[in-house]
PDB file of N, CA and C in Angstrom:
ATOM      1  N   MET A   1     -61.229  -2.860  27.430  1.00  0.00           N
ATOM      2  CA  MET A   1     -61.831  -1.600  26.838  1.00  0.00           C
ATOM      3  C   MET A   1     -63.255  -1.641  26.976  1.00  0.00           C
ATOM      4  N   SER A   2     -63.882  -0.642  27.700  1.00  0.00           N
ATOM      5  CA  SER A   2     -65.221  -0.543  27.870  1.00  0.00           C
ATOM      6  C   SER A   2     -65.964  -0.113  26.363  1.00  0.00           C
ATOM      7  N   ILE A   3     -67.320  -0.357  26.599  1.00  0.00           N
ATOM      8  CA  ILE A   3     -68.243  -0.052  25.531  1.00  0.00           C
ATOM      9  C   ILE A   3     -67.896   1.571  25.212  1.00  0.00           C
ATOM     10  N   THR A   4     -67.993   2.270  26.192  1.00  0.00           N
ATOM     11  CA  THR A   4     -67.934   3.795  25.914  1.00  0.00           C
ATOM     12  C   THR A   4     -66.695   4.029  25.372  1.00  0.00           C
ATOM     13  N   ALA A   5     -65.558   3.442  25.626  1.00  0.00           N
ATOM     14  CA  ALA A   5     -64.149   3.961  25.158  1.00  0.00           C
ATOM     15  C   ALA A   5     -64.269   3.188  23.765  1.00  0.00           C
ATOM     16  N   ALA A   6     -64.649   2.157  23.480  1.00  0.00           N
ATOM     17  CA  ALA A   6     -64.851   1.605  22.081  1.00  0.00           C
ATOM     18  C   ALA A   6     -65.345   2.584  21.134  1.00  0.00           C
ATOM     19  N   ILE A   7     -66.631   3.045  21.645  1.00  0.00           N
ATOM     20  CA  ILE A   7     -67.386   4.080  20.837  1.00  0.00           C
ATOM     21  C   ILE A   7     -66.739   5.333  20.752  1.00  0.00           C
ATOM     22  N   VAL A   8     -66.091   5.830  21.662  1.00  0.00           N
ATOM     23  CA  VAL A   8     -65.292   7.065  21.452  1.00  0.00           C
ATOM     24  C   VAL A   8     -64.078   6.881  20.516  1.00  0.00           C
ATOM     25  N   LEU A   9     -63.385   5.789  20.615  1.00  0.00           N
ATOM     26  CA  LEU A   9     -62.357   5.413  19.906  1.00  0.00           C
ATOM     27  C   LEU A   9     -62.844   5.429  18.366  1.00  0.00           C
ATOM     28  N   TYR A  10     -64.046   4.760  18.045  1.00  0.00           N
ATOM     29  CA  TYR A  10     -64.491   4.676  16.826  1.00  0.00           C
ATOM     30  C   TYR A  10     -64.896   5.982  16.192  1.00  0.00           C
ATOM     31  N   VAL A  11     -65.584   6.916  17.161  1.00  0.00           N
ATOM     32  CA  VAL A  11     -66.033   8.314  16.553  1.00  0.00           C
ATOM     33  C   VAL A  11     -64.625   9.230  16.175  1.00  0.00           C
ATOM     34  N   VAL A  12     -63.609   9.001  17.026  1.00  0.00           N
ATOM     35  CA  VAL A  12     -62.497   9.837  16.688  1.00  0.00           C
ATOM     36  C   VAL A  12     -61.739   9.293  15.449  1.00  0.00           C
ATOM     37  N   ILE A  13     -61.677   8.070  15.268  1.00  0.00           N
ATOM     38  CA  ILE A  13     -61.062   7.408  13.981  1.00  0.00           C
ATOM     39  C   ILE A  13     -62.037   7.710  12.789  1.00  0.00           C
ATOM     40  N   TRP A  14     -63.157   7.670  12.986  1.00  0.00           N
ATOM     41  CA  TRP A  14     -63.983   7.935  11.839  1.00  0.00           C
ATOM     42  C   TRP A  14     -63.982   9.428  11.468  1.00  0.00           C
ATOM     43  N   PHE A  15     -63.968  10.405  12.387  1.00  0.00           N
ATOM     44  CA  PHE A  15     -63.708  11.817  11.934  1.00  0.00           C
ATOM     45  C   PHE A  15     -62.517  12.023  11.246  1.00  0.00           C
ATOM     46  N   VAL A  16     -61.191  11.410  11.861  1.00  0.00           N
ATOM     47  CA  VAL A  16     -59.922  11.679  11.310  1.00  0.00           C
ATOM     48  C   VAL A  16     -59.995  11.048   9.948  1.00  0.00           C
ATOM     49  N   THR A  17     -60.635   9.888   9.693  1.00  0.00           N
ATOM     50  CA  THR A  17     -60.596   9.217   8.382  1.00  0.00           C
ATOM     51  C   THR A  17     -61.434  10.203   7.517  1.00  0.00           C
ATOM     52  N   MET A  18     -62.502  10.672   7.905  1.00  0.00           N
ATOM     53  CA  MET A  18     -63.336  11.820   7.088  1.00  0.00           C
ATOM     54  C   MET A  18     -62.444  12.898   6.627  1.00  0.00           C
ATOM     55  N   PHE A  19     -61.686  13.445   7.529  1.00  0.00           N
ATOM     56  CA  PHE A  19     -60.920  14.648   7.237  1.00  0.00           C
ATOM     57  C   PHE A  19     -59.650  14.199   6.096  1.00  0.00           C
ATOM     58  N   VAL A  20     -59.286  12.859   6.251  1.00  0.00           N
ATOM     59  CA  VAL A  20     -58.377  12.520   5.154  1.00  0.00           C
ATOM     60  C   VAL A  20     -59.025  12.289   3.904  1.00  0.00           C
ATOM     61  N   VAL A  21     -60.154  11.721   3.873  1.00  0.00           N
ATOM     62  CA  VAL A  21     -60.730  11.272   2.526  1.00  0.00           C
ATOM     63  C   VAL A  21     -61.393  12.479   1.919  1.00  0.00           C
ATOM     64  N   LEU A  22     -61.895  13.549   2.649  1.00  0.00           N
ATOM     65  CA  LEU A  22     -62.656  14.484   1.847  1.00  0.00           C
ATOM     66  C   LEU A  22     -61.897  15.100   0.736  1.00  0.00           C
ATOM     67  N   PRO A  23     -60.674  15.480   0.843  1.00  0.00           N
ATOM     68  CA  PRO A  23     -59.890  16.143  -0.431  1.00  0.00           C
ATOM     69  C   PRO A  23     -59.469  15.164  -1.489  1.00  0.00           C
ATOM     70  N   ILE A  24     -59.647  14.011  -1.333  1.00  0.00           N
ATOM     71  CA  ILE A  24     -59.091  12.830  -2.306  1.00  0.00           C
ATOM     72  C   ILE A  24     -60.245  13.105  -3.397  1.00  0.00           C
ATOM     73  N   GLY A  25     -59.678  13.222  -4.481  1.00  0.00           N
ATOM     74  CA  GLY A  25     -60.767  13.379  -5.706  1.00  0.00           C
ATOM     75  C   GLY A  25     -61.558  14.577  -5.840  1.00  0.00           C
ATOM     76  N   LEU A  26     -61.195  15.523  -5.118  1.00  0.00           N
ATOM     77  CA  LEU A  26     -62.266  16.817  -5.073  1.00  0.00           C
ATOM     78  C   LEU A  26     -61.949  17.466  -6.350  1.00  0.00           C
ATOM     79  N   ARG A  27     -62.991  17.959  -6.797  1.00  0.00           N
ATOM     80  CA  ARG A  27     -62.973  18.879  -8.198  1.00  0.00           C
ATOM     81  C   ARG A  27     -63.779  19.956  -7.582  1.00  0.00           C
ATOM     82  N   THR A  28     -63.242  21.184  -7.579  1.00  0.00           N
ATOM     83  CA  THR A  28     -63.830  22.307  -6.956  1.00  0.00           C
ATOM     84  C   THR A  28     -64.503  23.120  -8.360  1.00  0.00           C
ATOM     85  N   GLN A  29     -65.398  23.981  -7.953  1.00  0.00           N
ATOM     86  CA  GLN A  29     -65.974  24.818  -9.003  1.00  0.00           C
ATOM     87  C   GLN A  29     -65.117  25.509  -9.965  1.00  0.00           C
ATOM     88  N   GLY A  30     -63.872  26.047  -9.254  1.00  0.00           N
ATOM     89  CA  GLY A  30     -62.865  26.683  -9.913  1.00  0.00           C
ATOM     90  C   GLY A  30     -62.282  25.783 -11.039  1.00  0.00           C
ATOM     91  N   ASP A  31     -62.010  24.530 -10.684  1.00  0.00           N
ATOM     92  CA  ASP A  31     -61.435  23.527 -11.473  1.00  0.00           C
ATOM     93  C   ASP A  31     -62.167  23.257 -12.795  1.00  0.00           C
ATOM     94  N   GLU A  32     -63.594  23.279 -12.523  1.00  0.00           N
ATOM     95  CA  GLU A  32     -64.536  23.027 -13.588  1.00  0.00           C
ATOM     96  C   GLU A  32     -64.842  24.188 -14.383  1.00  0.00           C
ATOM     97  N   GLY A  33     -64.654  25.458 -14.004  1.00  0.00           N
ATOM     98  CA  GLY A  33     -64.741  26.718 -14.717  1.00  0.00           C
ATOM     99  C   GLY A  33     -66.208  26.967 -14.535  1.00  0.00           C
ATOM    100  N   GLU A  34     -67.132  26.628 -13.768  1.00  0.00           N
ATOM    101  CA  GLU A  34     -68.393  26.967 -13.436  1.00  0.00           C
ATOM    102  C   GLU A  34     -68.714  27.228 -12.188  1.00  0.00           C
ATOM    103  N   VAL A  35     -68.279  28.521 -11.787  1.00  0.00           N
ATOM    104  CA  VAL A  35     -68.553  28.965 -10.366  1.00  0.00           C
ATOM    105  C   VAL A  35     -69.847  29.702 -10.097  1.00  0.00           C
ATOM    106  N   VAL A  36     -70.703  28.847  -9.382  1.00  0.00           N
ATOM    107  CA  VAL A  36     -72.192  29.386  -9.081  1.00  0.00           C
ATOM    108  C   VAL A  36     -71.954  30.815  -8.288  1.00  0.00           C
ATOM    109  N   ARG A  37     -72.840  31.563  -8.725  1.00  0.00           N
ATOM    110  CA  ARG A  37     -72.972  32.993  -8.133  1.00  0.00           C
ATOM    111  C   ARG A  37     -73.111  32.889  -6.531  1.00  0.00           C
ATOM    112  N   GLY A  38     -72.446  33.655  -5.780  1.00  0.00           N
ATOM    113  CA  GLY A  38     -72.650  33.523  -4.392  1.00  0.00           C
ATOM    114  C   GLY A  38     -71.766  32.426  -3.602  1.00  0.00           C
ATOM    115  N   THR A  39     -70.974  31.571  -4.438  1.00  0.00           N
ATOM    116  CA  THR A  39     -70.292  30.589  -3.712  1.00  0.00           C
ATOM    117  C   THR A  39     -68.770  30.902  -4.046  1.00  0.00           C
ATOM    118  N   HIS A  40     -67.835  30.205  -3.339  1.00  0.00           N
ATOM    119  CA  HIS A  40     -66.449  30.398  -3.371  1.00  0.00           C
ATOM    120  C   HIS A  40     -66.057  29.484  -4.345  1.00  0.00           C
ATOM    121  N   ALA A  41     -64.906  29.832  -5.269  1.00  0.00           N
ATOM    122  CA  ALA A  41     -64.461  29.148  -6.198  1.00  0.00           C
ATOM    123  C   ALA A  41     -63.852  27.740  -5.840  1.00  0.00           C
ATOM    124  N   GLY A  42     -63.615  27.594  -4.463  1.00  0.00           N
ATOM    125  CA  GLY A  42     -62.987  26.425  -4.013  1.00  0.00           C
ATOM    126  C   GLY A  42     -64.208  25.521  -3.383  1.00  0.00           C
ATOM    127  N   ALA A  43     -65.479  25.786  -3.662  1.00  0.00           N
ATOM    128  CA  ALA A  43     -66.511  24.957  -3.238  1.00  0.00           C
ATOM    129  C   ALA A  43     -66.546  23.709  -4.285  1.00  0.00           C
ATOM    130  N   PRO A  44     -66.812  22.513  -3.713  1.00  0.00           N
ATOM    131  CA  PRO A  44     -66.934  21.330  -4.471  1.00  0.00           C
ATOM    132  C   PRO A  44     -67.994  21.623  -5.586  1.00  0.00           C
ATOM    133  N   ALA A  45     -67.520  20.917  -6.842  1.00  0.00           N
ATOM    134  CA  ALA A  45     -68.451  21.021  -7.980  1.00  0.00           C
ATOM    135  C   ALA A  45     -69.561  19.988  -7.852  1.00  0.00           C
ATOM    136  N   ASP A  46     -69.321  18.780  -7.742  1.00  0.00           N
ATOM    137  CA  ASP A  46     -70.110  17.649  -7.563  1.00  0.00           C
ATOM    138  C   ASP A  46     -69.827  16.707  -6.428  1.00  0.00           C
ATOM    139  N   PHE A  47     -70.240  17.128  -5.090  1.00  0.00           N
ATOM    140  CA  PHE A  47     -69.789  16.592  -4.027  1.00  0.00           C
ATOM    141  C   PHE A  47     -70.944  15.322  -3.706  1.00  0.00           C
ATOM    142  N   LYS A  48     -70.376  14.240  -3.553  1.00  0.00           N
ATOM    143  CA  LYS A  48     -71.277  12.853  -3.333  1.00  0.00           C
ATOM    144  C   LYS A  48     -71.139  12.401  -1.787  1.00  0.00           C
ATOM    145  N   LEU A  49     -72.037  12.880  -0.866  1.00  0.00           N
ATOM    146  CA  LEU A  49     -71.686  12.767   0.404  1.00  0.00           C
ATOM    147  C   LEU A  49     -72.032  11.332   0.781  1.00  0.00           C
ATOM    148  N   ALA A  50     -73.053  10.799   0.404  1.00  0.00           N
ATOM    149  CA  ALA A  50     -73.338   9.192   0.589  1.00  0.00           C
ATOM    150  C   ALA A  50     -72.141   8.314   0.247  1.00  0.00           C
ATOM    151  N   ARG A  51     -71.459   8.666  -0.964  1.00  0.00           N
ATOM    152  CA  ARG A  51     -70.437   7.754  -1.280  1.00  0.00           C
ATOM    153  C   ARG A  51     -69.211   8.089  -0.457  1.00  0.00           C
ATOM    154  N   THR A  52     -69.060   9.205  -0.051  1.00  0.00           N
ATOM    155  CA  THR A  52     -67.870   9.667   0.782  1.00  0.00           C
ATOM    156  C   THR A  52     -68.168   9.105   2.140  1.00  0.00           C
ATOM    157  N   MET A  53     -69.250   9.010   2.833  1.00  0.00           N
ATOM    158  CA  MET A  53     -69.545   8.533   4.021  1.00  0.00           C
ATOM    159  C   MET A  53     -69.431   6.957   4.059  1.00  0.00           C
ATOM    160  N   ILE A  54     -69.829   6.381   2.958  1.00  0.00           N
ATOM    161  CA  ILE A  54     -69.565   4.809   2.781  1.00  0.00           C
ATOM    162  C   ILE A  54     -68.088   4.550   2.826  1.00  0.00           C
ATOM    163  N   ILE A  55     -67.196   5.329   2.077  1.00  0.00           N
ATOM    164  CA  ILE A  55     -65.917   4.980   1.859  1.00  0.00           C
ATOM    165  C   ILE A  55     -65.257   5.126   3.386  1.00  0.00           C
ATOM    166  N   VAL A  56     -65.563   6.249   4.089  1.00  0.00           N
ATOM    167  CA  VAL A  56     -65.298   6.652   5.407  1.00  0.00           C
ATOM    168  C   VAL A  56     -65.477   5.675   6.396  1.00  0.00           C
ATOM    169  N   THR A  57     -66.797   5.199   6.434  1.00  0.00           N
ATOM    170  CA  THR A  57     -67.246   4.207   7.181  1.00  0.00           C
ATOM    171  C   THR A  57     -66.511   2.862   7.165  1.00  0.00           C
ATOM    172  N   ILE A  58     -66.249   2.507   5.892  1.00  0.00           N
ATOM    173  CA  ILE A  58     -65.485   1.086   5.642  1.00  0.00           C
ATOM    174  C   ILE A  58     -64.173   1.309   6.036  1.00  0.00           C
ATOM    175  N   ILE A  59     -63.312   2.288   5.831  1.00  0.00           N
ATOM    176  CA  ILE A  59     -62.119   2.603   5.992  1.00  0.00           C
ATOM    177  C   ILE A  59     -61.717   2.569   7.609  1.00  0.00           C
ATOM    178  N   GLY A  60     -62.784   3.433   8.084  1.00  0.00           N
ATOM    179  CA  GLY A  60     -62.849   3.815   9.523  1.00  0.00           C
ATOM    180  C   GLY A  60     -62.989   2.510  10.562  1.00  0.00           C
ATOM    181  N   THR A  61     -63.917   1.697  10.059  1.00  0.00           N
ATOM    182  CA  THR A  61     -64.248   0.553  10.628  1.00  0.00           C
ATOM    183  C   THR A  61     -63.013  -0.290  10.680  1.00  0.00           C
ATOM    184  N   VAL A  62     -62.496  -0.641   9.613  1.00  0.00           N
ATOM    185  CA  VAL A  62     -61.037  -1.542   9.316  1.00  0.00           C
ATOM    186  C   VAL A  62     -60.138  -0.950  10.247  1.00  0.00           C
ATOM    187  N   VAL A  63     -59.757   0.336  10.399  1.00  0.00           N
ATOM    188  CA  VAL A  63     -58.649   0.918  11.139  1.00  0.00           C
ATOM    189  C   VAL A  63     -59.030   0.837  12.594  1.00  0.00           C
ATOM    190  N   TRP A  64     -60.360   1.119  12.941  1.00  0.00           N
ATOM    191  CA  TRP A  64     -60.894   0.878  14.484  1.00  0.00           C
ATOM    192  C   TRP A  64     -60.659  -0.575  14.878  1.00  0.00           C
ATOM    193  N   ALA A  65     -60.991  -1.512  14.106  1.00  0.00           N
ATOM    194  CA  ALA A  65     -60.895  -2.834  14.234  1.00  0.00           C
ATOM    195  C   ALA A  65     -59.417  -3.245  14.657  1.00  0.00           C
ATOM    196  N   ILE A  66     -58.504  -2.690  13.730  1.00  0.00           N
ATOM    197  CA  ILE A  66     -57.093  -3.060  14.107  1.00  0.00           C
ATOM    198  C   ILE A  66     -56.613  -2.426  15.303  1.00  0.00           C
ATOM    199  N   VAL A  67     -56.921  -1.116  15.514  1.00  0.00           N
ATOM    200  CA  VAL A  67     -56.514  -0.518  16.902  1.00  0.00           C
ATOM    201  C   VAL A  67     -57.118  -1.132  18.087  1.00  0.00           C
ATOM    202  N   ALA A  68     -58.483  -1.226  17.866  1.00  0.00           N
ATOM    203  CA  ALA A  68     -59.175  -1.957  19.190  1.00  0.00           C
ATOM    204  C   ALA A  68     -58.505  -3.436  19.400  1.00  0.00           C
ATOM    205  N   GLY A  69     -58.134  -4.218  18.265  1.00  0.00           N
ATOM    206  CA  GLY A  69     -57.537  -5.513  18.447  1.00  0.00           C
ATOM    207  C   GLY A  69     -56.243  -5.303  19.176  1.00  0.00           C
ATOM    208  N   ILE A  70     -55.514  -4.322  18.879  1.00  0.00           N
ATOM    209  CA  ILE A  70     -54.273  -4.279  19.497  1.00  0.00           C
ATOM    210  C   ILE A  70     -54.418  -3.753  20.893  1.00  0.00           C
ATOM    211  N   ILE A  71     -55.238  -2.799  21.239  1.00  0.00           N
ATOM    212  CA  ILE A  71     -55.682  -2.550  22.630  1.00  0.00           C
ATOM    213  C   ILE A  71     -55.935  -3.652  23.479  1.00  0.00           C
ATOM    214  N   VAL A  72     -57.095  -4.304  22.953  1.00  0.00           N
ATOM    215  CA  VAL A  72     -57.572  -5.461  23.891  1.00  0.00           C
ATOM    216  C   VAL A  72     -56.647  -6.535  24.034  1.00  0.00           C
ATOM    217  N   SER A  73     -55.844  -6.833  22.882  1.00  0.00           N
ATOM    218  CA  SER A  73     -54.931  -8.051  23.020  1.00  0.00           C
ATOM    219  C   SER A  73     -53.739  -7.796  24.107  1.00  0.00           C
ATOM    220  N   GLY A  74     -53.486  -6.643  24.310  1.00  0.00           N
ATOM    221  CA  GLY A  74     -52.462  -6.050  25.263  1.00  0.00           C
ATOM    222  C   GLY A  74     -51.145  -6.060  24.587  1.00  0.00           C
ATOM    223  N   TRP A  75     -51.124  -6.155  23.327  1.00  0.00           N
ATOM    224  CA  TRP A  75     -49.791  -6.146  22.470  1.00  0.00           C
ATOM    225  C   TRP A  75     -49.041  -4.804  22.861  1.00  0.00           C
ATOM    226  N   ILE A  76     -49.905  -3.806  22.895  1.00  0.00           N
ATOM    227  CA  ILE A  76     -49.273  -2.497  23.251  1.00  0.00           C
ATOM    228  C   ILE A  76     -50.121  -2.048  24.559  1.00  0.00           C
ATOM    229  N   THR A  77     -49.318  -1.753  25.568  1.00  0.00           N
ATOM    230  CA  THR A  77     -49.902  -1.270  26.846  1.00  0.00           C
ATOM    231  C   THR A  77     -49.445   0.157  27.178  1.00  0.00           C
ATOM    232  N   ILE A  78     -50.059   0.612  28.159  1.00  0.00           N
ATOM    233  CA  ILE A  78     -49.788   2.037  28.468  1.00  0.00           C
ATOM    234  C   ILE A  78     -48.455   2.093  29.084  1.00  0.00           C
ATOM    235  N   GLU A  79     -47.920   0.822  29.581  1.00  0.00           N
ATOM    236  CA  GLU A  79     -46.631   0.987  29.975  1.00  0.00           C
ATOM    237  C   GLU A  79     -45.416   1.118  28.996  1.00  0.00           C
ATOM    238  N   ASP A  80     -45.950   0.513  27.733  1.00  0.00           N
ATOM    239  CA  ASP A  80     -44.964   0.515  26.572  1.00  0.00           C
ATOM    240  C   ASP A  80     -44.977   2.140  26.057  1.00  0.00           C
ATOM    241  N   ILE A  81     -45.830   2.882  26.378  1.00  0.00           N
ATOM    242  CA  ILE A  81     -45.792   4.258  25.689  1.00  0.00           C
ATOM    243  C   ILE A  81     -45.399   5.361  26.723  1.00  0.00           C
ATOM    244  N   ASP A  82     -44.885   4.728  28.036  1.00  0.00           N
ATOM    245  CA  ASP A  82     -44.744   5.710  29.090  1.00  0.00           C
ATOM    246  C   ASP A  82     -43.352   5.981  29.082  1.00  0.00           C
ATOM    247  N   TRP A  83     -42.839   6.779  28.159  1.00  0.00           N
ATOM    248  CA  TRP A  83     -41.522   7.283  27.832  1.00  0.00           C
ATOM    249  C   TRP A  83     -40.762   7.972  28.946  1.00  0.00           C
ATOM    250  N   PHE A  84     -41.644   8.629  29.779  1.00  0.00           N
ATOM    251  CA  PHE A  84     -40.906   9.675  30.681  1.00  0.00           C
ATOM    252  C   PHE A  84     -41.135   8.950  32.138  1.00  0.00           C
ATOM    253  N   ASP A  85     -41.491   7.557  32.217  1.00  0.00           N
ATOM    254  CA  ASP A  85     -41.734   7.077  33.634  1.00  0.00           C
ATOM    255  C   ASP A  85     -42.746   7.711  34.593  1.00  0.00           C
ATOM    256  N   ARG A  86     -43.768   8.283  34.061  1.00  0.00           N
ATOM    257  CA  ARG A  86     -44.815   9.002  34.858  1.00  0.00           C
ATOM    258  C   ARG A  86     -45.517   8.171  35.618  1.00  0.00           C
ATOM    259  N   LEU A  87     -45.766   6.944  35.209  1.00  0.00           N
ATOM    260  CA  LEU A  87     -46.452   5.867  36.060  1.00  0.00           C
ATOM    261  C   LEU A  87     -45.942   5.430  37.321  1.00  0.00           C
ATOM    262  N   ASP A  88     -44.543   5.373  37.279  1.00  0.00           N
ATOM    263  CA  ASP A  88     -43.885   5.111  38.450  1.00  0.00           C
ATOM    264  C   ASP A  88     -44.069   6.253  39.512  1.00  0.00           C
ATOM    265  N   ASP A  89     -44.206   7.436  39.256  1.00  0.00           N
ATOM    266  CA  ASP A  89     -44.342   8.618  40.189  1.00  0.00           C
ATOM    267  C   ASP A  89     -45.888   8.523  40.643  1.00  0.00           C
ATOM    268  N   ALA A  90     -46.769   8.054  39.797  1.00  0.00           N
ATOM    269  CA  ALA A  90     -48.279   8.076  40.406  1.00  0.00           C
ATOM    270  C   ALA A  90     -48.496   7.225  41.537  1.00  0.00           C
ATOM    271  N   GLY A  91     -47.862   6.058  41.604  1.00  0.00           N
ATOM    272  CA  GLY A  91     -48.088   5.199  42.449  1.00  0.00           C
ATOM    273  C   GLY A  91     -47.671   5.265  43.791  1.00  0.00           C
TER     274      GLY A  91
END
């Protein structure tokens, strides 16, 4: 795996992890009963961006290390997921 591929893989995993973590423990302004004028009731009441980014970075790094380890070790290769035998036609 090249450096560029590793970085792209990390960014993709990080953003997917961000979208999974964002709604966890979310308290909206509607839930709290204190909707600030001009905002939607579904807006976060007390959003902690730094804490969320730290959690996402830790989880994303662990998931990336596992996925990158599997790719680099060769435990799963492209031939393993070529269910329609398209690689045989390309040669």
